[in-house]
PDB file of all heavy atoms in Angstrom:
ATOM      1  N   SER A   1       0.821  -1.217   0.000  1.00  0.00           N
ATOM      2  CA  SER A   1      -0.001   0.000  -0.001  1.00  0.00           C
ATOM      3  C   SER A   1       0.848   1.265  -0.001  1.00  0.00           C
ATOM      4  O   SER A   1       0.348   2.347  -0.300  1.00  0.00           O
ATOM      5  CB  SER A   1      -0.928   0.017   1.213  1.00  0.00           C
ATOM      6  OG  SER A   1      -0.170   0.006   2.424  1.00  0.00           O
ATOM      7  N   PHE A   2       2.149   1.133   0.328  1.00  0.00           N
ATOM      8  CA  PHE A   2       3.029   2.311   0.344  1.00  0.00           C
ATOM      9  C   PHE A   2       3.877   2.393  -0.912  1.00  0.00           C
ATOM     10  O   PHE A   2       3.766   3.338  -1.704  1.00  0.00           O
ATOM     11  CB  PHE A   2       3.922   2.291   1.595  1.00  0.00           C
ATOM     12  CG  PHE A   2       4.760   3.538   1.745  1.00  0.00           C
ATOM     13  CD1 PHE A   2       4.167   4.762   1.998  1.00  0.00           C
ATOM     14  CD2 PHE A   2       6.150   3.487   1.641  1.00  0.00           C
ATOM     15  CE1 PHE A   2       4.943   5.918   2.140  1.00  0.00           C
ATOM     16  CE2 PHE A   2       6.926   4.619   1.782  1.00  0.00           C
ATOM     17  CZ  PHE A   2       6.319   5.842   2.034  1.00  0.00           C
ATOM     18  N   TRP A   3       4.723   1.404  -1.160  1.00  0.00           N
ATOM     19  CA  TRP A   3       5.698   1.558  -2.245  1.00  0.00           C
ATOM     20  C   TRP A   3       5.080   1.443  -3.628  1.00  0.00           C
ATOM     21  O   TRP A   3       5.607   2.007  -4.588  1.00  0.00           O
ATOM     22  CB  TRP A   3       6.872   0.599  -2.082  1.00  0.00           C
ATOM     23  CG  TRP A   3       6.592  -0.881  -2.231  1.00  0.00           C
ATOM     24  CD1 TRP A   3       6.321  -1.763  -1.232  1.00  0.00           C
ATOM     25  CD2 TRP A   3       6.614  -1.640  -3.451  1.00  0.00           C
ATOM     26  NE1 TRP A   3       6.146  -3.033  -1.740  1.00  0.00           N
ATOM     27  CE2 TRP A   3       6.334  -2.986  -3.106  1.00  0.00           C
ATOM     28  CE3 TRP A   3       6.840  -1.328  -4.787  1.00  0.00           C
ATOM     29  CZ2 TRP A   3       6.268  -4.016  -4.053  1.00  0.00           C
ATOM     30  CZ3 TRP A   3       6.786  -2.336  -5.737  1.00  0.00           C
ATOM     31  CH2 TRP A   3       6.497  -3.660  -5.369  1.00  0.00           C
ATOM     32  N   THR A   4       3.950   0.749  -3.763  1.00  0.00           N
ATOM     33  CA  THR A   4       3.327   0.644  -5.094  1.00  0.00           C
ATOM     34  C   THR A   4       2.644   1.945  -5.508  1.00  0.00           C
ATOM     35  O   THR A   4       2.258   2.092  -6.665  1.00  0.00           O
ATOM     36  CB  THR A   4       2.306  -0.494  -5.142  1.00  0.00           C
ATOM     37  OG1 THR A   4       1.290  -0.267  -4.150  1.00  0.00           O
ATOM     38  CG2 THR A   4       2.966  -1.845  -4.898  1.00  0.00           C
ATOM     39  N   LYS A   5       2.500   2.893  -4.570  1.00  0.00           N
ATOM     40  CA  LYS A   5       1.893   4.180  -4.902  1.00  0.00           C
ATOM     41  C   LYS A   5       2.925   5.168  -5.431  1.00  0.00           C
ATOM     42  O   LYS A   5       2.581   6.285  -5.828  1.00  0.00           O
ATOM     43  CB  LYS A   5       1.205   4.786  -3.673  1.00  0.00           C
ATOM     44  CG  LYS A   5       0.087   3.926  -3.088  1.00  0.00           C
ATOM     45  CD  LYS A   5      -1.056   3.761  -4.078  1.00  0.00           C
ATOM     46  CE  LYS A   5      -2.278   3.109  -3.427  1.00  0.00           C
ATOM     47  NZ  LYS A   5      -2.004   1.738  -2.937  1.00  0.00           N
ATOM     48  N   ALA A   6       4.180   4.774  -5.440  1.00  0.00           N
ATOM     49  CA  ALA A   6       5.236   5.658  -5.920  1.00  0.00           C
ATOM     50  C   ALA A   6       5.126   5.887  -7.418  1.00  0.00           C
ATOM     51  O   ALA A   6       4.572   5.057  -8.151  1.00  0.00           O
ATOM     52  CB  ALA A   6       6.608   5.065  -5.595  1.00  0.00           C
ATOM     53  N   ASP A   7       5.657   7.023  -7.877  1.00  0.00           N
ATOM     54  CA  ASP A   7       5.690   7.295  -9.324  1.00  0.00           C
ATOM     55  C   ASP A   7       6.458   6.207 -10.054  1.00  0.00           C
ATOM     56  O   ASP A   7       6.076   5.778 -11.145  1.00  0.00           O
ATOM     57  CB  ASP A   7       6.343   8.650  -9.588  1.00  0.00           C
ATOM     58  CG  ASP A   7       5.376   9.806  -9.403  1.00  0.00           C
ATOM     59  OD1 ASP A   7       4.211   9.562  -9.032  1.00  0.00           O
ATOM     60  OD2 ASP A   7       5.801  10.967  -9.618  1.00  0.00           O
ATOM     61  N   LYS A   8       7.579   5.774  -9.446  1.00  0.00           N
ATOM     62  CA  LYS A   8       8.394   4.708 -10.023  1.00  0.00           C
ATOM     63  C   LYS A   8       8.574   3.644  -8.948  1.00  0.00           C
ATOM     64  O   LYS A   8       9.596   3.616  -8.232  1.00  0.00           O
ATOM     65  CB  LYS A   8       9.738   5.270 -10.503  1.00  0.00           C
ATOM     66  CG  LYS A   8       9.573   6.322 -11.596  1.00  0.00           C
ATOM     67  CD  LYS A   8      10.883   6.964 -12.003  1.00  0.00           C
ATOM     68  CE  LYS A   8      10.665   8.016 -13.091  1.00  0.00           C
ATOM     69  NZ  LYS A   8      11.924   8.705 -13.450  1.00  0.00           N
ATOM     70  N   PRO A   9       7.571   2.773  -8.794  1.00  0.00           N
ATOM     71  CA  PRO A   9       7.511   1.891  -7.624  1.00  0.00           C
ATOM     72  C   PRO A   9       8.716   0.976  -7.438  1.00  0.00           C
ATOM     73  O   PRO A   9       9.220   0.838  -6.313  1.00  0.00           O
ATOM     74  CB  PRO A   9       6.222   1.086  -7.840  1.00  0.00           C
ATOM     75  CG  PRO A   9       5.850   1.284  -9.268  1.00  0.00           C
ATOM     76  CD  PRO A   9       6.394   2.611  -9.662  1.00  0.00           C
ATOM     77  N   PHE A  10       9.204   0.357  -8.499  1.00  0.00           N
ATOM     78  CA  PHE A  10      10.303  -0.585  -8.309  1.00  0.00           C
ATOM     79  C   PHE A  10      11.626   0.128  -8.052  1.00  0.00           C
ATOM     80  O   PHE A  10      12.475  -0.367  -7.307  1.00  0.00           O
ATOM     81  CB  PHE A  10      10.403  -1.534  -9.507  1.00  0.00           C
ATOM     82  CG  PHE A  10       9.280  -2.529  -9.539  1.00  0.00           C
ATOM     83  CD1 PHE A  10       8.221  -2.370 -10.422  1.00  0.00           C
ATOM     84  CD2 PHE A  10       9.251  -3.603  -8.659  1.00  0.00           C
ATOM     85  CE1 PHE A  10       7.165  -3.261 -10.437  1.00  0.00           C
ATOM     86  CE2 PHE A  10       8.204  -4.515  -8.676  1.00  0.00           C
ATOM     87  CZ  PHE A  10       7.152  -4.342  -9.558  1.00  0.00           C
ATOM     88  N   GLN A  11      11.794   1.301  -8.650  1.00  0.00           N
ATOM     89  CA  GLN A  11      12.994   2.081  -8.339  1.00  0.00           C
ATOM     90  C   GLN A  11      12.929   2.610  -6.911  1.00  0.00           C
ATOM     91  O   GLN A  11      13.958   2.690  -6.221  1.00  0.00           O
ATOM     92  CB  GLN A  11      13.154   3.231  -9.335  1.00  0.00           C
ATOM     93  CG  GLN A  11      13.486   2.764 -10.737  1.00  0.00           C
ATOM     94  CD  GLN A  11      13.740   3.914 -11.692  1.00  0.00           C
ATOM     95  OE1 GLN A  11      14.592   4.751 -11.444  1.00  0.00           O
ATOM     96  NE2 GLN A  11      13.007   3.959 -12.793  1.00  0.00           N
ATOM     97  N   PHE A  12      11.717   2.959  -6.457  1.00  0.00           N
ATOM     98  CA  PHE A  12      11.577   3.396  -5.069  1.00  0.00           C
ATOM     99  C   PHE A  12      11.832   2.234  -4.120  1.00  0.00           C
ATOM    100  O   PHE A  12      12.478   2.403  -3.076  1.00  0.00           O
ATOM    101  CB  PHE A  12      10.181   3.965  -4.824  1.00  0.00           C
ATOM    102  CG  PHE A  12       9.954   4.381  -3.400  1.00  0.00           C
ATOM    103  CD1 PHE A  12      10.571   5.507  -2.886  1.00  0.00           C
ATOM    104  CD2 PHE A  12       9.153   3.617  -2.555  1.00  0.00           C
ATOM    105  CE1 PHE A  12      10.387   5.881  -1.558  1.00  0.00           C
ATOM    106  CE2 PHE A  12       8.964   3.975  -1.235  1.00  0.00           C
ATOM    107  CZ  PHE A  12       9.580   5.119  -0.730  1.00  0.00           C
ATOM    108  N   LEU A  13      11.356   1.041  -4.454  1.00  0.00           N
ATOM    109  CA  LEU A  13      11.599  -0.127  -3.604  1.00  0.00           C
ATOM    110  C   LEU A  13      13.094  -0.421  -3.504  1.00  0.00           C
ATOM    111  O   LEU A  13      13.599  -0.752  -2.423  1.00  0.00           O
ATOM    112  CB  LEU A  13      10.840  -1.340  -4.147  1.00  0.00           C
ATOM    113  CG  LEU A  13      10.962  -2.626  -3.318  1.00  0.00           C
ATOM    114  CD1 LEU A  13      10.425  -2.417  -1.908  1.00  0.00           C
ATOM    115  CD2 LEU A  13      10.221  -3.771  -4.021  1.00  0.00           C
ATOM    116  N   ALA A  14      13.801  -0.285  -4.633  1.00  0.00           N
ATOM    117  CA  ALA A  14      15.250  -0.471  -4.600  1.00  0.00           C
ATOM    118  C   ALA A  14      15.901   0.538  -3.650  1.00  0.00           C
ATOM    119  O   ALA A  14      16.843   0.212  -2.911  1.00  0.00           O
ATOM    120  CB  ALA A  14      15.832  -0.329  -5.997  1.00  0.00           C
ATOM    121  N   PHE A  15      15.387   1.768  -3.664  1.00  0.00           N
ATOM    122  CA  PHE A  15      15.879   2.777  -2.720  1.00  0.00           C
ATOM    123  C   PHE A  15      15.612   2.351  -1.271  1.00  0.00           C
ATOM    124  O   PHE A  15      16.477   2.547  -0.389  1.00  0.00           O
ATOM    125  CB  PHE A  15      15.217   4.127  -2.981  1.00  0.00           C
ATOM    126  CG  PHE A  15      15.234   5.048  -1.798  1.00  0.00           C
ATOM    127  CD1 PHE A  15      16.402   5.723  -1.446  1.00  0.00           C
ATOM    128  CD2 PHE A  15      14.103   5.218  -1.007  1.00  0.00           C
ATOM    129  CE1 PHE A  15      16.429   6.560  -0.338  1.00  0.00           C
ATOM    130  CE2 PHE A  15      14.129   6.047   0.099  1.00  0.00           C
ATOM    131  CZ  PHE A  15      15.291   6.722   0.441  1.00  0.00           C
ATOM    132  N   CYS A  16      14.435   1.786  -1.021  1.00  0.00           N
ATOM    133  CA  CYS A  16      14.101   1.354   0.339  1.00  0.00           C
ATOM    134  C   CYS A  16      15.127   0.352   0.859  1.00  0.00           C
ATOM    135  O   CYS A  16      15.571   0.438   2.019  1.00  0.00           O
ATOM    136  CB  CYS A  16      12.702   0.739   0.371  1.00  0.00           C
ATOM    137  SG  CYS A  16      11.365   1.909   0.048  1.00  0.00           S
ATOM    138  N   PHE A  17      15.505  -0.607   0.027  1.00  0.00           N
ATOM    139  CA  PHE A  17      16.533  -1.574   0.415  1.00  0.00           C
ATOM    140  C   PHE A  17      17.856  -0.858   0.730  1.00  0.00           C
ATOM    141  O   PHE A  17      18.531  -1.146   1.721  1.00  0.00           O
ATOM    142  CB  PHE A  17      16.754  -2.605  -0.691  1.00  0.00           C
ATOM    143  CG  PHE A  17      15.576  -3.513  -0.923  1.00  0.00           C
ATOM    144  CD1 PHE A  17      15.116  -3.762  -2.199  1.00  0.00           C
ATOM    145  CD2 PHE A  17      14.930  -4.137   0.132  1.00  0.00           C
ATOM    146  CE1 PHE A  17      14.028  -4.597  -2.422  1.00  0.00           C
ATOM    147  CE2 PHE A  17      13.847  -4.986  -0.077  1.00  0.00           C
ATOM    148  CZ  PHE A  17      13.397  -5.215  -1.353  1.00  0.00           C
ATOM    149  N   GLU A  18      18.216   0.070  -0.169  1.00  0.00           N
ATOM    150  CA  GLU A  18      19.503   0.775  -0.021  1.00  0.00           C
ATOM    151  C   GLU A  18      19.512   1.668   1.214  1.00  0.00           C
ATOM    152  O   GLU A  18      20.492   1.700   1.978  1.00  0.00           O
ATOM    153  CB  GLU A  18      19.776   1.602  -1.287  1.00  0.00           C
ATOM    154  CG  GLU A  18      21.195   2.091  -1.431  1.00  0.00           C
ATOM    155  CD  GLU A  18      22.096   1.068  -2.109  1.00  0.00           C
ATOM    156  OE1 GLU A  18      21.691  -0.109  -2.220  1.00  0.00           O
ATOM    157  OE2 GLU A  18      23.192   1.438  -2.516  1.00  0.00           O
ATOM    158  N   TRP A  19      18.431   2.411   1.426  1.00  0.00           N
ATOM    159  CA  TRP A  19      18.349   3.335   2.552  1.00  0.00           C
ATOM    160  C   TRP A  19      18.363   2.577   3.884  1.00  0.00           C
ATOM    161  O   TRP A  19      19.038   3.000   4.828  1.00  0.00           O
ATOM    162  CB  TRP A  19      17.079   4.166   2.442  1.00  0.00           C
ATOM    163  CG  TRP A  19      16.928   5.210   3.508  1.00  0.00           C
ATOM    164  CD1 TRP A  19      16.077   5.193   4.579  1.00  0.00           C
ATOM    165  CD2 TRP A  19      17.656   6.442   3.608  1.00  0.00           C
ATOM    166  NE1 TRP A  19      16.215   6.318   5.335  1.00  0.00           N
ATOM    167  CE2 TRP A  19      17.180   7.112   4.766  1.00  0.00           C
ATOM    168  CE3 TRP A  19      18.660   7.040   2.843  1.00  0.00           C
ATOM    169  CZ2 TRP A  19      17.674   8.349   5.167  1.00  0.00           C
ATOM    170  CZ3 TRP A  19      19.153   8.273   3.240  1.00  0.00           C
ATOM    171  CH2 TRP A  19      18.661   8.915   4.393  1.00  0.00           C
ATOM    172  N   THR A  20      17.666   1.458   3.944  1.00  0.00           N
ATOM    173  CA  THR A  20      17.646   0.645   5.159  1.00  0.00           C
ATOM    174  C   THR A  20      19.038   0.092   5.465  1.00  0.00           C
ATOM    175  O   THR A  20      19.483   0.086   6.624  1.00  0.00           O
ATOM    176  CB  THR A  20      16.627  -0.500   5.021  1.00  0.00           C
ATOM    177  OG1 THR A  20      15.333   0.060   4.748  1.00  0.00           O
ATOM    178  CG2 THR A  20      16.559  -1.340   6.286  1.00  0.00           C
ATOM    179  N   ALA A  21      19.731  -0.352   4.424  1.00  0.00           N
ATOM    180  CA  ALA A  21      21.095  -0.853   4.614  1.00  0.00           C
ATOM    181  C   ALA A  21      22.027   0.269   5.059  1.00  0.00           C
ATOM    182  O   ALA A  21      22.921   0.069   5.897  1.00  0.00           O
ATOM    183  CB  ALA A  21      21.600  -1.486   3.326  1.00  0.00           C
ATOM    184  N   TYR A  22      21.821   1.466   4.525  1.00  0.00           N
ATOM    185  CA  TYR A  22      22.636   2.628   4.891  1.00  0.00           C
ATOM    186  C   TYR A  22      22.431   2.986   6.369  1.00  0.00           C
ATOM    187  O   TYR A  22      23.408   3.223   7.102  1.00  0.00           O
ATOM    188  CB  TYR A  22      22.253   3.797   3.988  1.00  0.00           C
ATOM    189  CG  TYR A  22      22.844   5.129   4.362  1.00  0.00           C
ATOM    190  CD1 TYR A  22      24.212   5.356   4.308  1.00  0.00           C
ATOM    191  CD2 TYR A  22      22.018   6.180   4.760  1.00  0.00           C
ATOM    192  CE1 TYR A  22      24.752   6.586   4.637  1.00  0.00           C
ATOM    193  CE2 TYR A  22      22.544   7.423   5.097  1.00  0.00           C
ATOM    194  CZ  TYR A  22      23.906   7.615   5.037  1.00  0.00           C
ATOM    195  OH  TYR A  22      24.440   8.841   5.366  1.00  0.00           O
ATOM    196  N   LEU A  23      21.181   2.989   6.826  1.00  0.00           N
ATOM    197  CA  LEU A  23      20.905   3.297   8.230  1.00  0.00           C
ATOM    198  C   LEU A  23      21.497   2.242   9.155  1.00  0.00           C
ATOM    199  O   LEU A  23      22.043   2.565  10.226  1.00  0.00           O
ATOM    200  CB  LEU A  23      19.394   3.409   8.446  1.00  0.00           C
ATOM    201  CG  LEU A  23      18.678   4.573   7.739  1.00  0.00           C
ATOM    202  CD1 LEU A  23      17.203   4.572   8.089  1.00  0.00           C
ATOM    203  CD2 LEU A  23      19.316   5.917   8.102  1.00  0.00           C
ATOM    204  N   ALA A  24      21.406   0.976   8.742  1.00  0.00           N
ATOM    205  CA  ALA A  24      21.978  -0.105   9.547  1.00  0.00           C
ATOM    206  C   ALA A  24      23.499   0.050   9.651  1.00  0.00           C
ATOM    207  O   ALA A  24      24.097  -0.205  10.714  1.00  0.00           O
ATOM    208  CB  ALA A  24      21.621  -1.458   8.933  1.00  0.00           C
ATOM    209  N   HIS A  25      24.111   0.477   8.572  1.00  0.00           N
ATOM    210  CA  HIS A  25      25.553   0.711   8.558  1.00  0.00           C
ATOM    211  C   HIS A  25      25.929   1.789   9.578  1.00  0.00           C
ATOM    212  O   HIS A  25      26.907   1.629  10.321  1.00  0.00           O
ATOM    213  CB  HIS A  25      25.956   1.141   7.142  1.00  0.00           C
ATOM    214  CG  HIS A  25      27.403   1.486   6.982  1.00  0.00           C
ATOM    215  ND1 HIS A  25      28.357   0.555   6.641  1.00  0.00           N
ATOM    216  CD2 HIS A  25      28.070   2.677   7.109  1.00  0.00           C
ATOM    217  CE1 HIS A  25      29.534   1.145   6.562  1.00  0.00           C
ATOM    218  NE2 HIS A  25      29.387   2.424   6.837  1.00  0.00           N
ATOM    219  N   LEU A  26      25.153   2.863   9.621  1.00  0.00           N
ATOM    220  CA  LEU A  26      25.431   3.953  10.563  1.00  0.00           C
ATOM    221  C   LEU A  26      25.164   3.517  12.003  1.00  0.00           C
ATOM    222  O   LEU A  26      25.904   3.878  12.922  1.00  0.00           O
ATOM    223  CB  LEU A  26      24.583   5.178  10.211  1.00  0.00           C
ATOM    224  CG  LEU A  26      24.846   5.838   8.852  1.00  0.00           C
ATOM    225  CD1 LEU A  26      23.943   7.050   8.684  1.00  0.00           C
ATOM    226  CD2 LEU A  26      26.308   6.227   8.696  1.00  0.00           C
ATOM    227  N   GLU A  27      24.091   2.744  12.192  1.00  0.00           N
ATOM    228  CA  GLU A  27      23.750   2.283  13.542  1.00  0.00           C
ATOM    229  C   GLU A  27      24.823   1.364  14.113  1.00  0.00           C
ATOM    230  O   GLU A  27      24.990   1.272  15.339  1.00  0.00           O
ATOM    231  CB  GLU A  27      22.395   1.574  13.513  1.00  0.00           C
ATOM    232  CG  GLU A  27      21.220   2.528  13.320  1.00  0.00           C
ATOM    233  CD  GLU A  27      19.910   1.807  13.093  1.00  0.00           C
ATOM    234  OE1 GLU A  27      19.918   0.554  13.121  1.00  0.00           O
ATOM    235  OE2 GLU A  27      18.880   2.481  12.894  1.00  0.00           O
TER     236      GLU A  27
END
């Protein structure tokens, strides 16, 4: 219900994976 509403859903989902990994790296 969240990521499929994006203008570019699969590119946004790829960002979600990357951003989550980035935050985990900092944590």
